[in-house]
Amino acid sequence: MKQIPFTKILLLLFAVFFSACSKDAPEAEEPYEGYGYIRGYFGTEYLNFEYPINIYAEFTGEIIPGIHENRDDWKGGQLHLLRGGKRSGTDRRLWDIQISGVKLDEMPVPYTVNSSSYFSSDHIVRGYLQIRDMATPIDVIISGPDDSYNYEGATRDDDVTIEVISKKDDIITGTFEGQLKTTSGLVMPVKGGEFRVKIERK
């Protein structure tokens, strides 16, 4: 009977031990720094927006995180995430992600929001992805027939898909892709989208 060399036995035991340890070790979590981010390819342009902006109080100095607001008429709540460029820059666009009809604490992860996403049997969860341009000329109505500045897409129209992959400690992490359109007829693909934003509950 052929004997296995002692060194080979040691190597085999080490390999088994290392494999078992690597499976049990928890994955290292990305530290939450700054204000998080929303980023991805908008056409061929890579947008990496990391600054929280209150779109309703344009550049007033008020800083807000992402927001989750409970509303009975939504049969759940709305998750609203906004991130733009730094105020010192010339790019006045921002990513706007909204997921409505979601009960955040009951949401399983990962959770995909698309045209057929039901959170429960009585209502649908809907997602919206937008590129807002705060430099839209004053004579152009946002979402009006001549608006070539602001792009949007909705999961209900199969324009976009949004996936929430983590919500630990109210840090919402996920991905998105699809295509966005202006009301004037321009279309732009969105790929490699990802977000990581700490929310505040309202």
N, C-alpha and C. Protein backbone atom coordinates (compact mmCIF):
# COMPACT_ATOMS: atom_id res chain seq x y z
N MET A 1 0.85 -1.19 0.00
CA MET A 1 0.00 0.00 0.00
C MET A 1 0.89 1.26 0.00
N LYS A 2 0.61 2.11 -0.91
CA LYS A 2 1.44 3.31 -1.07
C LYS A 2 1.11 4.33 0.00
N GLN A 3 2.14 4.87 0.68
CA GLN A 3 1.92 5.86 1.73
C GLN A 3 2.00 7.27 1.16
N ILE A 4 1.13 8.14 1.70
CA ILE A 4 1.14 9.55 1.27
C ILE A 4 2.19 10.28 2.09
N PRO A 5 3.08 11.03 1.45
CA PRO A 5 4.12 11.77 2.18
C PRO A 5 3.50 12.69 3.21
N PHE A 6 4.19 12.83 4.35
CA PHE A 6 3.71 13.64 5.46
C PHE A 6 3.48 15.11 5.05
N THR A 7 4.35 15.65 4.20
CA THR A 7 4.22 17.05 3.76
C THR A 7 2.94 17.26 2.95
N LYS A 8 2.56 16.25 2.16
CA LYS A 8 1.33 16.38 1.37
C LYS A 8 0.10 16.37 2.29
N ILE A 9 0.18 15.57 3.36
CA ILE A 9 -0.93 15.54 4.31
C ILE A 9 -1.08 16.91 4.99
N LEU A 10 0.05 17.51 5.37
CA LEU A 10 0.01 18.82 6.00
C LEU A 10 -0.58 19.88 5.04
N LEU A 11 -0.15 19.84 3.78
CA LEU A 11 -0.67 20.79 2.79
C LEU A 11 -2.17 20.61 2.59
N LEU A 12 -2.63 19.36 2.56
CA LEU A 12 -4.05 19.08 2.39
C LEU A 12 -4.86 19.60 3.58
N LEU A 13 -4.36 19.36 4.80
CA LEU A 13 -5.04 19.85 6.00
C LEU A 13 -5.09 21.37 6.03
N PHE A 14 -3.99 22.01 5.62
CA PHE A 14 -3.93 23.47 5.59
C PHE A 14 -4.95 24.03 4.59
N ALA A 15 -5.07 23.38 3.43
CA ALA A 15 -6.01 23.82 2.40
C ALA A 15 -7.45 23.71 2.89
N VAL A 16 -7.77 22.61 3.56
CA VAL A 16 -9.13 22.41 4.10
C VAL A 16 -9.43 23.45 5.17
N PHE A 17 -8.46 23.69 6.08
CA PHE A 17 -8.64 24.66 7.15
C PHE A 17 -8.82 26.07 6.59
N PHE A 18 -8.01 26.46 5.61
CA PHE A 18 -8.07 27.79 5.01
C PHE A 18 -9.40 27.99 4.30
N SER A 19 -9.86 26.95 3.61
CA SER A 19 -11.14 27.04 2.89
C SER A 19 -12.29 27.24 3.86
N ALA A 20 -12.28 26.51 4.97
CA ALA A 20 -13.35 26.63 5.97
C ALA A 20 -13.35 28.00 6.60
N CYS A 21 -12.19 28.53 6.91
CA CYS A 21 -12.09 29.85 7.53
C CYS A 21 -12.56 30.95 6.59
N SER A 22 -12.21 30.83 5.31
CA SER A 22 -12.58 31.86 4.36
C SER A 22 -14.08 31.90 4.14
N LYS A 23 -14.77 30.76 4.27
CA LYS A 23 -16.22 30.73 4.10
C LYS A 23 -16.92 31.38 5.28
N ASP A 24 -16.35 31.20 6.48
CA ASP A 24 -16.99 31.71 7.68
C ASP A 24 -16.70 33.19 7.92
N ALA A 25 -15.64 33.71 7.34
CA ALA A 25 -15.26 35.09 7.58
C ALA A 25 -16.28 36.04 6.96
N PRO A 26 -16.77 37.04 7.73
CA PRO A 26 -17.74 37.99 7.18
C PRO A 26 -17.08 38.90 6.15
N GLU A 27 -17.88 39.32 5.18
CA GLU A 27 -17.35 40.23 4.17
C GLU A 27 -17.10 41.60 4.78
N ALA A 28 -16.00 42.20 4.40
CA ALA A 28 -15.66 43.53 4.91
C ALA A 28 -16.64 44.54 4.33
N GLU A 29 -17.18 45.42 5.19
CA GLU A 29 -18.14 46.41 4.74
C GLU A 29 -17.40 47.69 4.34
N GLU A 30 -17.92 48.30 3.28
CA GLU A 30 -17.36 49.57 2.82
C GLU A 30 -17.71 50.65 3.84
N PRO A 31 -16.73 51.41 4.32
CA PRO A 31 -17.04 52.47 5.29
C PRO A 31 -17.89 53.55 4.64
N TYR A 32 -18.81 54.13 5.40
CA TYR A 32 -19.64 55.21 4.87
C TYR A 32 -18.91 56.53 5.10
N GLU A 33 -18.51 57.14 4.01
CA GLU A 33 -17.73 58.37 4.10
C GLU A 33 -18.45 59.49 3.38
N GLY A 34 -18.24 60.70 3.86
CA GLY A 34 -18.84 61.85 3.22
C GLY A 34 -20.35 61.76 3.24
N TYR A 35 -20.98 61.92 2.06
CA TYR A 35 -22.43 61.91 1.95
C TYR A 35 -22.93 60.74 1.10
N GLY A 36 -22.05 59.74 0.92
CA GLY A 36 -22.45 58.64 0.05
C GLY A 36 -22.34 59.07 -1.42
N TYR A 37 -23.09 58.40 -2.30
CA TYR A 37 -22.98 58.72 -3.73
C TYR A 37 -24.13 58.14 -4.52
N ILE A 38 -24.36 58.72 -5.69
CA ILE A 38 -25.14 58.11 -6.77
C ILE A 38 -24.30 58.32 -8.02
N ARG A 39 -23.99 57.24 -8.73
CA ARG A 39 -23.09 57.36 -9.86
C ARG A 39 -23.41 56.32 -10.93
N GLY A 40 -22.93 56.59 -12.13
CA GLY A 40 -23.15 55.65 -13.22
C GLY A 40 -22.94 56.32 -14.56
N TYR A 41 -23.04 55.52 -15.63
CA TYR A 41 -22.86 56.03 -16.99
C TYR A 41 -24.18 56.58 -17.52
N PHE A 42 -24.13 57.84 -17.91
CA PHE A 42 -25.24 58.52 -18.55
C PHE A 42 -24.84 58.71 -20.00
N GLY A 43 -25.25 57.76 -20.87
CA GLY A 43 -24.65 57.70 -22.20
C GLY A 43 -23.22 57.23 -22.05
N THR A 44 -22.28 57.98 -22.60
CA THR A 44 -20.85 57.65 -22.44
C THR A 44 -20.20 58.45 -21.31
N GLU A 45 -20.97 59.32 -20.69
CA GLU A 45 -20.45 60.20 -19.63
C GLU A 45 -20.64 59.54 -18.27
N TYR A 46 -19.58 59.48 -17.48
CA TYR A 46 -19.67 58.90 -16.14
C TYR A 46 -19.94 60.02 -15.14
N LEU A 47 -21.08 59.94 -14.48
CA LEU A 47 -21.45 60.94 -13.48
C LEU A 47 -21.29 60.35 -12.09
N ASN A 48 -20.52 61.00 -11.26
CA ASN A 48 -20.30 60.56 -9.89
C ASN A 48 -20.67 61.72 -8.97
N PHE A 49 -21.92 61.71 -8.50
CA PHE A 49 -22.42 62.81 -7.68
C PHE A 49 -22.44 62.39 -6.21
N GLU A 50 -21.81 63.20 -5.35
CA GLU A 50 -21.62 62.84 -3.96
C GLU A 50 -22.12 63.90 -2.99
N TYR A 51 -22.81 64.90 -3.48
CA TYR A 51 -23.19 66.00 -2.60
C TYR A 51 -24.70 66.04 -2.44
N PRO A 52 -25.22 66.06 -1.20
CA PRO A 52 -26.67 66.11 -1.01
C PRO A 52 -27.21 67.50 -1.29
N ILE A 53 -28.27 67.57 -2.06
CA ILE A 53 -28.84 68.85 -2.45
C ILE A 53 -30.34 68.83 -2.21
N ASN A 54 -30.87 69.91 -1.64
CA ASN A 54 -32.30 70.05 -1.51
C ASN A 54 -32.83 70.70 -2.78
N ILE A 55 -33.45 69.89 -3.63
CA ILE A 55 -33.90 70.40 -4.92
C ILE A 55 -34.99 71.46 -4.76
N TYR A 56 -35.68 71.45 -3.63
CA TYR A 56 -36.77 72.41 -3.41
C TYR A 56 -36.27 73.73 -2.82
N ALA A 57 -35.03 73.78 -2.42
CA ALA A 57 -34.44 75.01 -1.90
C ALA A 57 -33.07 75.14 -2.55
N GLU A 58 -33.09 75.49 -3.81
CA GLU A 58 -31.91 75.41 -4.67
C GLU A 58 -30.71 76.15 -4.09
N PHE A 59 -29.66 75.38 -3.78
CA PHE A 59 -28.37 75.92 -3.35
C PHE A 59 -28.49 76.96 -2.23
N THR A 60 -29.34 76.67 -1.24
CA THR A 60 -29.53 77.61 -0.13
C THR A 60 -28.58 77.34 1.02
N GLY A 61 -27.84 76.26 0.95
CA GLY A 61 -26.95 75.91 2.03
C GLY A 61 -27.49 74.79 2.89
N GLU A 62 -28.76 74.43 2.70
CA GLU A 62 -29.34 73.35 3.49
C GLU A 62 -28.88 72.01 2.93
N ILE A 63 -28.34 71.16 3.79
CA ILE A 63 -27.86 69.85 3.39
C ILE A 63 -28.82 68.79 3.93
N ILE A 64 -29.29 67.93 3.06
CA ILE A 64 -30.18 66.86 3.51
C ILE A 64 -29.62 65.52 3.08
N PRO A 65 -29.88 64.48 3.89
CA PRO A 65 -29.50 63.14 3.46
C PRO A 65 -30.58 62.58 2.55
N GLY A 66 -30.53 61.29 2.28
CA GLY A 66 -31.68 60.67 1.65
C GLY A 66 -32.83 60.67 2.66
N ILE A 67 -34.05 60.49 2.17
CA ILE A 67 -35.21 60.57 3.04
C ILE A 67 -36.09 59.34 2.84
N HIS A 68 -36.60 58.79 3.93
CA HIS A 68 -37.68 57.82 3.85
C HIS A 68 -38.84 58.38 4.64
N GLU A 69 -39.97 58.57 3.96
CA GLU A 69 -41.14 59.17 4.57
C GLU A 69 -42.31 58.21 4.49
N ASN A 70 -42.95 57.95 5.63
CA ASN A 70 -44.12 57.08 5.65
C ASN A 70 -45.38 57.87 5.27
N ARG A 71 -46.19 57.28 4.39
CA ARG A 71 -47.43 57.92 3.97
C ARG A 71 -48.51 56.86 3.80
N ASP A 72 -49.64 57.02 4.47
CA ASP A 72 -50.72 56.05 4.36
C ASP A 72 -51.26 55.96 2.94
N ASP A 73 -51.30 57.09 2.23
CA ASP A 73 -51.86 57.06 0.88
C ASP A 73 -50.93 56.36 -0.11
N TRP A 74 -49.67 56.10 0.29
CA TRP A 74 -48.76 55.32 -0.55
C TRP A 74 -48.77 53.85 -0.17
N LYS A 75 -49.57 53.50 0.87
CA LYS A 75 -49.57 52.13 1.39
C LYS A 75 -48.16 51.69 1.74
N GLY A 76 -47.44 52.57 2.32
CA GLY A 76 -46.05 52.30 2.68
C GLY A 76 -45.34 53.62 2.83
N GLY A 77 -44.24 53.79 2.16
CA GLY A 77 -43.50 55.02 2.26
C GLY A 77 -42.80 55.35 0.97
N GLN A 78 -42.08 56.45 0.96
CA GLN A 78 -41.29 56.82 -0.21
C GLN A 78 -39.83 56.96 0.19
N LEU A 79 -38.98 56.30 -0.56
CA LEU A 79 -37.55 56.43 -0.41
C LEU A 79 -37.08 57.42 -1.47
N HIS A 80 -36.48 58.51 -1.03
CA HIS A 80 -36.10 59.59 -1.96
C HIS A 80 -34.62 59.92 -1.76
N LEU A 81 -33.83 59.72 -2.81
CA LEU A 81 -32.38 59.94 -2.75
C LEU A 81 -31.98 60.97 -3.80
N LEU A 82 -31.25 61.98 -3.37
CA LEU A 82 -30.76 63.03 -4.27
C LEU A 82 -29.27 63.23 -4.05
N ARG A 83 -28.52 63.31 -5.12
CA ARG A 83 -27.11 63.68 -5.02
C ARG A 83 -26.72 64.48 -6.25
N GLY A 84 -25.93 65.54 -6.01
CA GLY A 84 -25.49 66.39 -7.10
C GLY A 84 -24.00 66.63 -7.04
N GLY A 85 -23.52 67.54 -7.91
CA GLY A 85 -22.12 67.91 -7.90
C GLY A 85 -21.84 68.94 -6.83
N LYS A 86 -20.58 69.18 -6.55
CA LYS A 86 -20.22 70.18 -5.54
C LYS A 86 -20.61 71.57 -6.03
N ARG A 87 -20.95 72.42 -5.08
CA ARG A 87 -21.47 73.74 -5.45
C ARG A 87 -20.45 74.60 -6.17
N SER A 88 -19.18 74.29 -5.95
CA SER A 88 -18.14 75.09 -6.59
C SER A 88 -17.99 74.74 -8.07
N GLY A 89 -18.59 73.61 -8.47
CA GLY A 89 -18.47 73.17 -9.86
C GLY A 89 -19.49 73.83 -10.76
N THR A 90 -19.33 73.62 -12.05
CA THR A 90 -20.24 74.21 -13.03
C THR A 90 -21.36 73.25 -13.43
N ASP A 91 -21.22 71.96 -13.09
CA ASP A 91 -22.25 70.98 -13.43
C ASP A 91 -23.38 71.08 -12.42
N ARG A 92 -24.55 71.50 -12.85
CA ARG A 92 -25.66 71.72 -11.93
C ARG A 92 -26.74 70.64 -12.10
N ARG A 93 -26.32 69.47 -12.57
CA ARG A 93 -27.24 68.35 -12.66
C ARG A 93 -27.23 67.54 -11.36
N LEU A 94 -28.21 66.68 -11.20
CA LEU A 94 -28.23 65.78 -10.06
C LEU A 94 -28.99 64.52 -10.41
N TRP A 95 -28.61 63.43 -9.72
CA TRP A 95 -29.37 62.18 -9.81
C TRP A 95 -30.50 62.26 -8.80
N ASP A 96 -31.66 61.80 -9.20
CA ASP A 96 -32.84 61.76 -8.34
C ASP A 96 -33.44 60.35 -8.43
N ILE A 97 -33.42 59.61 -7.32
CA ILE A 97 -33.99 58.26 -7.27
C ILE A 97 -35.15 58.26 -6.28
N GLN A 98 -36.30 57.77 -6.73
CA GLN A 98 -37.47 57.67 -5.85
C GLN A 98 -38.05 56.26 -5.95
N ILE A 99 -38.37 55.68 -4.81
CA ILE A 99 -39.08 54.40 -4.76
C ILE A 99 -40.28 54.61 -3.86
N SER A 100 -41.48 54.49 -4.41
CA SER A 100 -42.68 54.74 -3.62
C SER A 100 -43.46 53.45 -3.40
N GLY A 101 -44.25 53.45 -2.32
CA GLY A 101 -45.05 52.29 -1.98
C GLY A 101 -44.29 51.20 -1.26
N VAL A 102 -43.16 51.55 -0.66
CA VAL A 102 -42.31 50.54 -0.03
C VAL A 102 -42.33 50.68 1.49
N LYS A 103 -42.45 49.56 2.17
CA LYS A 103 -42.32 49.52 3.63
C LYS A 103 -40.88 49.12 3.92
N LEU A 104 -40.06 50.09 4.24
CA LEU A 104 -38.62 49.90 4.29
C LEU A 104 -38.20 48.78 5.23
N ASP A 105 -38.78 48.74 6.42
CA ASP A 105 -38.34 47.74 7.39
C ASP A 105 -38.77 46.33 7.03
N GLU A 106 -39.77 46.21 6.17
CA GLU A 106 -40.25 44.89 5.75
C GLU A 106 -39.68 44.47 4.40
N MET A 107 -38.96 45.35 3.74
CA MET A 107 -38.41 45.04 2.43
C MET A 107 -37.30 44.00 2.53
N PRO A 108 -37.43 42.89 1.80
CA PRO A 108 -36.33 41.92 1.77
C PRO A 108 -35.21 42.46 0.89
N VAL A 109 -34.01 42.01 1.12
CA VAL A 109 -32.90 42.39 0.24
C VAL A 109 -32.18 41.13 -0.22
N PRO A 110 -31.77 41.08 -1.48
CA PRO A 110 -31.97 42.13 -2.49
C PRO A 110 -33.43 42.22 -2.93
N TYR A 111 -33.82 43.42 -3.40
CA TYR A 111 -35.18 43.66 -3.84
C TYR A 111 -35.14 44.45 -5.15
N THR A 112 -35.73 43.90 -6.19
CA THR A 112 -35.71 44.53 -7.51
C THR A 112 -37.02 45.27 -7.76
N VAL A 113 -36.90 46.54 -8.12
CA VAL A 113 -38.06 47.36 -8.46
C VAL A 113 -38.12 47.46 -9.98
N ASN A 114 -39.16 46.85 -10.56
CA ASN A 114 -39.38 46.93 -12.01
C ASN A 114 -40.88 47.01 -12.26
N SER A 115 -41.31 46.77 -13.49
CA SER A 115 -42.72 46.97 -13.83
C SER A 115 -43.64 45.98 -13.15
N SER A 116 -43.10 44.90 -12.60
CA SER A 116 -43.96 43.88 -11.97
C SER A 116 -43.63 43.69 -10.50
N SER A 117 -43.07 44.71 -9.86
CA SER A 117 -42.65 44.59 -8.45
C SER A 117 -43.80 44.87 -7.50
N TYR A 118 -44.33 43.81 -6.91
CA TYR A 118 -45.35 43.96 -5.87
C TYR A 118 -44.71 43.71 -4.52
N PHE A 119 -44.91 44.66 -3.60
CA PHE A 119 -44.39 44.46 -2.24
C PHE A 119 -45.31 43.53 -1.46
N SER A 120 -46.60 43.66 -1.71
CA SER A 120 -47.58 42.74 -1.16
C SER A 120 -48.69 42.63 -2.19
N SER A 121 -49.71 41.85 -1.90
CA SER A 121 -50.74 41.58 -2.90
C SER A 121 -51.62 42.78 -3.19
N ASP A 122 -51.55 43.82 -2.34
CA ASP A 122 -52.51 44.92 -2.52
C ASP A 122 -51.93 46.17 -3.17
N HIS A 123 -50.64 46.23 -3.42
CA HIS A 123 -50.13 47.42 -4.10
C HIS A 123 -48.79 47.13 -4.76
N ILE A 124 -48.48 47.98 -5.71
CA ILE A 124 -47.24 47.83 -6.47
C ILE A 124 -46.21 48.84 -5.98
N VAL A 125 -44.96 48.45 -6.02
CA VAL A 125 -43.86 49.35 -5.69
C VAL A 125 -43.35 49.95 -7.00
N ARG A 126 -43.20 51.25 -7.03
CA ARG A 126 -42.77 51.92 -8.27
C ARG A 126 -41.49 52.71 -8.03
N GLY A 127 -40.64 52.71 -9.03
CA GLY A 127 -39.39 53.44 -8.95
C GLY A 127 -39.26 54.46 -10.06
N TYR A 128 -38.57 55.54 -9.75
CA TYR A 128 -38.33 56.61 -10.72
C TYR A 128 -36.85 56.99 -10.66
N LEU A 129 -36.27 57.19 -11.81
CA LEU A 129 -34.87 57.61 -11.91
C LEU A 129 -34.82 58.83 -12.81
N GLN A 130 -34.17 59.88 -12.34
CA GLN A 130 -34.16 61.13 -13.09
C GLN A 130 -32.80 61.80 -13.05
N ILE A 131 -32.50 62.51 -14.11
CA ILE A 131 -31.39 63.47 -14.13
C ILE A 131 -32.02 64.84 -14.18
N ARG A 132 -31.87 65.59 -13.10
CA ARG A 132 -32.42 66.94 -13.05
C ARG A 132 -31.31 67.95 -13.35
N ASP A 133 -31.63 68.98 -14.11
CA ASP A 133 -30.66 70.01 -14.46
C ASP A 133 -31.12 71.33 -13.87
N MET A 134 -30.41 71.76 -12.81
CA MET A 134 -30.78 73.00 -12.15
C MET A 134 -30.46 74.23 -13.00
N ALA A 135 -29.79 74.01 -14.14
CA ALA A 135 -29.48 75.11 -15.05
C ALA A 135 -30.49 75.19 -16.20
N THR A 136 -31.64 74.53 -16.07
CA THR A 136 -32.69 74.62 -17.09
C THR A 136 -33.10 76.08 -17.26
N PRO A 137 -33.11 76.58 -18.49
CA PRO A 137 -33.50 77.99 -18.69
C PRO A 137 -34.87 78.29 -18.11
N ILE A 138 -35.03 79.51 -17.62
CA ILE A 138 -36.25 79.88 -16.92
C ILE A 138 -37.48 79.83 -17.83
N ASP A 139 -37.27 79.97 -19.15
CA ASP A 139 -38.41 79.96 -20.07
C ASP A 139 -38.79 78.55 -20.53
N VAL A 140 -38.08 77.53 -20.03
CA VAL A 140 -38.40 76.14 -20.36
C VAL A 140 -39.11 75.50 -19.18
N ILE A 141 -40.29 74.97 -19.42
CA ILE A 141 -41.06 74.31 -18.38
C ILE A 141 -40.52 72.90 -18.19
N ILE A 142 -40.11 72.55 -16.94
CA ILE A 142 -39.60 71.22 -16.66
C ILE A 142 -40.68 70.18 -16.95
N SER A 143 -40.32 69.17 -17.75
CA SER A 143 -41.24 68.13 -18.22
C SER A 143 -42.26 68.67 -19.20
N GLY A 144 -42.04 69.89 -19.70
CA GLY A 144 -42.89 70.44 -20.75
C GLY A 144 -42.45 69.92 -22.12
N PRO A 145 -43.18 70.24 -23.16
CA PRO A 145 -42.88 69.70 -24.50
C PRO A 145 -41.54 70.14 -25.08
N ASP A 146 -40.97 71.25 -24.57
CA ASP A 146 -39.70 71.76 -25.10
C ASP A 146 -38.52 71.46 -24.18
N ASP A 147 -38.73 70.63 -23.14
CA ASP A 147 -37.67 70.36 -22.17
C ASP A 147 -36.69 69.32 -22.71
N SER A 148 -35.48 69.78 -23.05
CA SER A 148 -34.40 68.89 -23.51
C SER A 148 -33.28 68.81 -22.48
N TYR A 149 -33.57 69.18 -21.25
CA TYR A 149 -32.56 69.25 -20.19
C TYR A 149 -32.73 68.17 -19.12
N ASN A 150 -33.96 67.82 -18.83
CA ASN A 150 -34.26 66.91 -17.73
C ASN A 150 -34.72 65.56 -18.24
N TYR A 151 -34.01 64.50 -17.80
CA TYR A 151 -34.27 63.13 -18.26
C TYR A 151 -34.93 62.33 -17.14
N GLU A 152 -35.85 61.46 -17.50
CA GLU A 152 -36.50 60.64 -16.49
C GLU A 152 -36.95 59.30 -17.06
N GLY A 153 -37.10 58.34 -16.16
CA GLY A 153 -37.58 57.03 -16.53
C GLY A 153 -38.31 56.41 -15.35
N ALA A 154 -39.30 55.57 -15.63
CA ALA A 154 -40.10 54.95 -14.58
C ALA A 154 -40.11 53.44 -14.74
N THR A 155 -40.11 52.74 -13.61
CA THR A 155 -40.16 51.28 -13.68
C THR A 155 -41.49 50.80 -14.26
N ARG A 156 -42.55 51.54 -14.03
CA ARG A 156 -43.87 51.11 -14.52
C ARG A 156 -43.93 51.09 -16.05
N ASP A 157 -43.05 51.87 -16.69
CA ASP A 157 -43.00 51.91 -18.16
C ASP A 157 -41.88 51.04 -18.72
N ASP A 158 -41.26 50.24 -17.85
CA ASP A 158 -40.13 49.40 -18.25
C ASP A 158 -38.94 50.21 -18.74
N ASP A 159 -38.86 51.48 -18.33
CA ASP A 159 -37.71 52.31 -18.70
C ASP A 159 -36.47 51.92 -17.91
N VAL A 160 -36.64 51.69 -16.62
CA VAL A 160 -35.50 51.45 -15.73
C VAL A 160 -35.80 50.32 -14.75
N THR A 161 -34.73 49.77 -14.21
CA THR A 161 -34.79 48.80 -13.12
C THR A 161 -33.90 49.30 -12.00
N ILE A 162 -34.42 49.27 -10.78
CA ILE A 162 -33.67 49.69 -9.60
C ILE A 162 -33.62 48.51 -8.64
N GLU A 163 -32.43 48.20 -8.13
CA GLU A 163 -32.31 47.09 -7.18
C GLU A 163 -31.70 47.59 -5.88
N VAL A 164 -32.38 47.33 -4.77
CA VAL A 164 -31.85 47.62 -3.44
C VAL A 164 -31.16 46.36 -2.95
N ILE A 165 -29.87 46.45 -2.67
CA ILE A 165 -29.12 45.25 -2.29
C ILE A 165 -28.73 45.24 -0.82
N SER A 166 -28.88 46.39 -0.13
CA SER A 166 -28.56 46.43 1.29
C SER A 166 -29.28 47.62 1.92
N LYS A 167 -29.69 47.48 3.18
CA LYS A 167 -30.31 48.59 3.91
C LYS A 167 -29.91 48.56 5.38
N LYS A 168 -28.71 48.11 5.66
CA LYS A 168 -28.23 47.99 7.02
C LYS A 168 -27.93 49.36 7.62
N ASP A 169 -28.39 49.56 8.87
CA ASP A 169 -28.15 50.82 9.59
C ASP A 169 -28.65 52.03 8.81
N ASP A 170 -29.73 51.84 8.05
CA ASP A 170 -30.34 52.90 7.24
C ASP A 170 -29.39 53.45 6.17
N ILE A 171 -28.39 52.67 5.81
CA ILE A 171 -27.56 52.99 4.65
C ILE A 171 -28.10 52.16 3.49
N ILE A 172 -28.67 52.84 2.51
CA ILE A 172 -29.34 52.17 1.39
C ILE A 172 -28.36 52.05 0.24
N THR A 173 -28.15 50.83 -0.21
CA THR A 173 -27.19 50.56 -1.28
C THR A 173 -27.90 49.82 -2.40
N GLY A 174 -27.58 50.15 -3.64
CA GLY A 174 -28.22 49.44 -4.74
C GLY A 174 -27.64 49.79 -6.09
N THR A 175 -28.33 49.33 -7.12
CA THR A 175 -27.90 49.54 -8.50
C THR A 175 -29.09 49.98 -9.36
N PHE A 176 -28.80 50.51 -10.55
CA PHE A 176 -29.87 50.88 -11.48
C PHE A 176 -29.33 50.85 -12.90
N GLU A 177 -30.26 50.68 -13.86
CA GLU A 177 -29.91 50.71 -15.29
C GLU A 177 -31.18 50.93 -16.09
N GLY A 178 -31.02 51.23 -17.36
CA GLY A 178 -32.19 51.41 -18.23
C GLY A 178 -31.96 52.54 -19.21
N GLN A 179 -33.02 53.29 -19.50
CA GLN A 179 -32.88 54.44 -20.37
C GLN A 179 -33.77 55.58 -19.87
N LEU A 180 -33.27 56.79 -20.03
CA LEU A 180 -33.99 57.98 -19.60
C LEU A 180 -34.36 58.82 -20.82
N LYS A 181 -35.46 59.56 -20.72
CA LYS A 181 -35.96 60.33 -21.84
C LYS A 181 -36.31 61.74 -21.39
N THR A 182 -36.19 62.67 -22.33
CA THR A 182 -36.74 64.01 -22.11
C THR A 182 -38.12 64.05 -22.75
N THR A 183 -38.94 65.00 -22.32
CA THR A 183 -40.26 65.13 -22.93
C THR A 183 -40.18 65.68 -24.35
N SER A 184 -39.00 66.19 -24.74
CA SER A 184 -38.83 66.67 -26.11
C SER A 184 -38.40 65.54 -27.05
N GLY A 185 -38.13 64.33 -26.50
CA GLY A 185 -37.85 63.18 -27.36
C GLY A 185 -36.44 62.65 -27.33
N LEU A 186 -35.53 63.24 -26.55
CA LEU A 186 -34.18 62.73 -26.45
C LEU A 186 -34.15 61.48 -25.57
N VAL A 187 -33.30 60.50 -25.92
CA VAL A 187 -33.20 59.25 -25.16
C VAL A 187 -31.73 59.02 -24.82
N MET A 188 -31.47 58.61 -23.57
CA MET A 188 -30.10 58.35 -23.14
C MET A 188 -30.05 57.06 -22.32
N PRO A 189 -29.16 56.11 -22.69
CA PRO A 189 -29.03 54.90 -21.89
C PRO A 189 -28.30 55.17 -20.58
N VAL A 190 -28.64 54.42 -19.56
CA VAL A 190 -27.98 54.49 -18.25
C VAL A 190 -27.47 53.10 -17.92
N LYS A 191 -26.17 52.99 -17.63
CA LYS A 191 -25.57 51.69 -17.31
C LYS A 191 -24.64 51.83 -16.11
N GLY A 192 -24.42 50.70 -15.44
CA GLY A 192 -23.47 50.67 -14.33
C GLY A 192 -23.83 51.58 -13.19
N GLY A 193 -25.12 51.86 -13.01
CA GLY A 193 -25.54 52.76 -11.94
C GLY A 193 -25.45 52.12 -10.57
N GLU A 194 -25.03 52.88 -9.60
CA GLU A 194 -24.97 52.40 -8.23
C GLU A 194 -25.17 53.56 -7.27
N PHE A 195 -25.75 53.25 -6.10
CA PHE A 195 -25.97 54.29 -5.11
C PHE A 195 -25.71 53.73 -3.71
N ARG A 196 -25.32 54.64 -2.83
CA ARG A 196 -25.09 54.29 -1.42
C ARG A 196 -25.30 55.56 -0.61
N VAL A 197 -26.46 55.64 0.03
CA VAL A 197 -26.85 56.88 0.70
C VAL A 197 -27.45 56.54 2.06
N LYS A 198 -27.04 57.27 3.08
CA LYS A 198 -27.62 57.12 4.41
C LYS A 198 -28.89 57.95 4.48
N ILE A 199 -29.98 57.33 4.94
CA ILE A 199 -31.26 58.03 4.93
C ILE A 199 -31.61 58.56 6.30
N GLU A 200 -32.54 59.51 6.29
CA GLU A 200 -33.13 60.06 7.50
C GLU A 200 -34.61 59.74 7.44
N ARG A 201 -35.17 59.25 8.53
CA ARG A 201 -36.59 58.88 8.54
C ARG A 201 -37.44 60.08 8.94
N LYS A 202 -38.51 60.30 8.17
CA LYS A 202 -39.42 61.41 8.46
C LYS A 202 -40.73 60.87 9.03
